[in-house]
């Protein structure tokens, strides 16, 4: 659910730029790109370290039961790969969401659309991401899609 963090934070940045009447698209893009980079680094390393610690502990527990070292086993290698995969997903999801939400500003930078339109489009994209996340969670948890989509949107307005 780091995508939620990416969506809400990016929405907050975009709304802040809008309220502050920021007119330089480079400021918007650089700020959100830096934030997306921070999302990736933070999400990647926190997930990697947590997953590796959990999996290493599981391997140690299994070694105790087997009375045998699994240090160079396929299982030990798979544990490292699992930690890496989890870290990549955890780090990239908020970063990708942030880039998706600010995509209209790249169109401004290329002189394709005007800046005011990019603000509105970006806010709409962020809200769409939140609705999508609500529907996704409802689907995997077999709950009401409308209810969870509304909950996601409500969370934004309560903060």
Protein backbone atom coordinates (compact mmCIF):
# COMPACT_ATOMS: atom_id res chain seq x y z
CA UNK A 1 0.00 0.00 0.00
CA UNK A 2 2.94 2.32 -0.46
CA UNK A 3 1.12 3.43 -3.59
CA UNK A 4 -1.37 5.13 -1.27
CA UNK A 5 1.48 7.08 0.35
CA UNK A 6 2.77 8.06 -3.08
CA UNK A 7 -0.66 9.23 -4.22
CA UNK A 8 -1.50 11.21 -1.09
CA UNK A 9 1.91 12.85 -0.80
CA UNK A 10 2.03 13.78 -4.48
CA UNK A 11 -1.52 15.10 -4.31
CA UNK A 12 -0.48 17.21 -1.34
CA UNK A 13 2.50 18.59 -3.23
CA UNK A 14 0.44 19.39 -6.32
CA UNK A 15 -2.25 21.10 -4.27
CA UNK A 16 0.41 23.06 -2.40
CA UNK A 17 1.96 24.21 -5.67
CA UNK A 18 -1.50 25.17 -6.93
CA UNK A 19 -2.40 27.17 -3.81
CA UNK A 20 1.04 28.83 -3.79
CA UNK A 21 0.51 29.72 -7.47
CA UNK A 22 3.81 28.14 -8.55
CA UNK A 23 4.24 28.97 -12.23
CA UNK A 24 7.59 27.29 -12.94
CA UNK A 25 6.92 23.73 -14.11
CA UNK A 26 10.57 22.86 -13.47
CA UNK A 27 10.09 23.52 -9.75
CA UNK A 28 7.09 21.20 -9.72
CA UNK A 29 8.82 18.44 -11.67
CA UNK A 30 12.10 18.60 -9.75
CA UNK A 31 10.35 18.62 -6.38
CA UNK A 32 8.13 15.66 -7.20
CA UNK A 33 10.99 13.76 -8.88
CA UNK A 34 13.10 14.25 -5.76
CA UNK A 35 10.18 13.09 -3.64
CA UNK A 36 9.67 10.04 -5.88
CA UNK A 37 13.37 9.22 -5.51
CA UNK A 38 13.05 9.48 -1.75
CA UNK A 39 9.97 7.22 -1.88
CA UNK A 40 11.96 4.63 -3.80
CA UNK A 41 15.03 4.72 -1.57
CA UNK A 42 13.02 4.67 1.66
CA UNK A 43 10.57 2.03 0.49
CA UNK A 44 13.27 -0.17 -1.01
CA UNK A 45 15.63 -0.20 1.95
CA UNK A 46 12.99 -0.43 4.66
CA UNK A 47 11.34 -3.39 2.92
CA UNK A 48 14.64 -5.06 2.06
CA UNK A 49 16.02 -4.84 5.58
CA UNK A 50 12.73 -5.97 7.17
CA UNK A 51 12.21 -8.84 4.73
CA UNK A 52 15.80 -10.01 4.98
CA UNK A 53 15.66 -9.94 8.78
CA UNK A 54 12.39 -11.88 8.85
CA UNK A 55 13.54 -14.46 6.32
CA UNK A 56 16.96 -14.85 7.96
CA UNK A 57 15.21 -15.53 11.25
CA UNK A 58 13.00 -18.14 9.55
CA UNK A 59 16.10 -19.82 8.09
CA UNK A 60 17.78 -19.88 11.53
CA UNK A 61 14.68 -21.43 13.09
CA UNK A 62 14.61 -24.06 10.36
CA UNK A 63 18.34 -24.74 10.81
CA UNK A 64 17.75 -25.34 14.53
CA UNK A 65 15.03 -27.87 13.75
CA UNK A 66 17.09 -29.59 11.05
CA UNK A 67 20.34 -29.41 13.00
CA UNK A 68 21.97 -28.47 9.72
CA UNK A 69 23.26 -25.25 8.15
CA UNK A 70 21.34 -23.91 5.16
CA UNK A 71 23.89 -21.16 4.48
CA UNK A 72 24.58 -21.91 0.81
CA UNK A 73 21.35 -23.73 0.04
CA UNK A 74 18.84 -22.89 -2.67
CA UNK A 75 16.45 -21.87 0.07
CA UNK A 76 18.89 -19.30 1.48
CA UNK A 77 19.41 -17.86 -2.00
CA UNK A 78 15.66 -17.76 -2.60
CA UNK A 79 15.21 -15.85 0.65
CA UNK A 80 17.55 -13.11 -0.58
CA UNK A 81 15.70 -12.97 -3.90
CA UNK A 82 12.33 -12.70 -2.13
CA UNK A 83 13.63 -9.83 -0.01
CA UNK A 84 14.93 -8.07 -3.13
CA UNK A 85 11.64 -8.54 -5.01
CA UNK A 86 9.60 -7.24 -2.07
CA UNK A 87 11.93 -4.25 -1.77
CA UNK A 88 11.61 -3.42 -5.46
CA UNK A 89 7.82 -3.50 -5.30
CA UNK A 90 7.73 -1.55 -2.05
CA UNK A 91 10.09 1.12 -3.35
CA UNK A 92 8.82 1.43 -6.88
CA UNK A 93 5.06 1.55 -6.23
CA UNK A 94 4.94 5.01 -4.60
CA UNK A 95 7.54 6.35 -7.04
CA UNK A 96 5.63 5.11 -10.09
CA UNK A 97 2.37 6.51 -8.71
CA UNK A 98 4.03 9.88 -8.12
CA UNK A 99 5.37 9.95 -11.70
CA UNK A 100 1.96 8.97 -13.07
CA UNK A 101 0.22 11.72 -11.13
CA UNK A 102 2.61 14.43 -12.34
CA UNK A 103 2.60 13.24 -15.95
CA UNK A 104 0.51 16.25 -17.04
CA UNK A 105 3.35 18.53 -15.95
CA UNK A 106 5.68 16.80 -18.40
CA UNK A 107 3.20 17.83 -21.09
CA UNK A 108 3.44 21.42 -19.84
CA UNK A 109 7.23 21.18 -19.99
CA UNK A 110 6.91 20.08 -23.64
CA UNK A 111 4.49 23.00 -24.30
CA UNK A 112 1.62 20.64 -25.14
CA UNK A 113 -0.87 21.75 -22.48
CA UNK A 114 -1.19 24.88 -20.30
CA UNK A 115 -0.11 24.81 -16.65
CA UNK A 116 -3.59 25.34 -15.12
CA UNK A 117 -4.89 22.31 -17.00
CA UNK A 118 -1.97 20.21 -15.66
CA UNK A 119 -2.91 21.07 -12.09
CA UNK A 120 -6.51 19.93 -12.57
CA UNK A 121 -5.49 16.84 -14.53
CA UNK A 122 -2.91 15.89 -11.92
CA UNK A 123 -5.40 16.21 -9.08
CA UNK A 124 -7.92 14.11 -11.01
CA UNK A 125 -5.25 11.46 -11.68
CA UNK A 126 -4.39 11.31 -7.99
CA UNK A 127 -8.03 10.85 -7.05
CA UNK A 128 -8.39 8.15 -9.72
CA UNK A 129 -5.39 6.31 -8.28
CA UNK A 130 -7.01 6.38 -4.86
CA UNK A 131 -10.28 5.04 -6.25
CA UNK A 132 -8.39 2.32 -8.11
CA UNK A 133 -6.57 1.33 -4.91
CA UNK A 134 -9.88 1.15 -3.06
CA UNK A 135 -11.41 -1.03 -5.76
CA UNK A 136 -8.30 -3.23 -5.79
CA UNK A 137 -8.42 -3.73 -2.03
CA UNK A 138 -12.14 -4.45 -2.20
CA UNK A 139 -11.57 -7.04 -4.90
CA UNK A 140 -8.90 -8.95 -3.00
CA UNK A 141 -10.78 -8.73 0.30
CA UNK A 142 -14.23 -9.40 -1.23
CA UNK A 143 -15.72 -6.18 0.14
CA UNK A 144 -17.84 -3.47 -1.40
CA UNK A 145 -15.87 -1.72 -4.15
CA UNK A 146 -17.86 1.49 -3.77
CA UNK A 147 -17.40 1.53 0.00
CA UNK A 148 -13.62 1.06 -0.11
CA UNK A 149 -13.18 3.51 -2.99
CA UNK A 150 -15.08 6.12 -0.97
CA UNK A 151 -13.02 5.29 2.13
CA UNK A 152 -9.81 5.93 0.18
CA UNK A 153 -11.06 9.30 -1.04
CA UNK A 154 -12.35 10.20 2.42
CA UNK A 155 -8.91 9.57 3.93
CA UNK A 156 -7.46 12.30 1.71
CA UNK A 157 -10.00 14.87 2.82
CA UNK A 158 -9.64 13.99 6.50
CA UNK A 159 -5.92 14.70 6.53
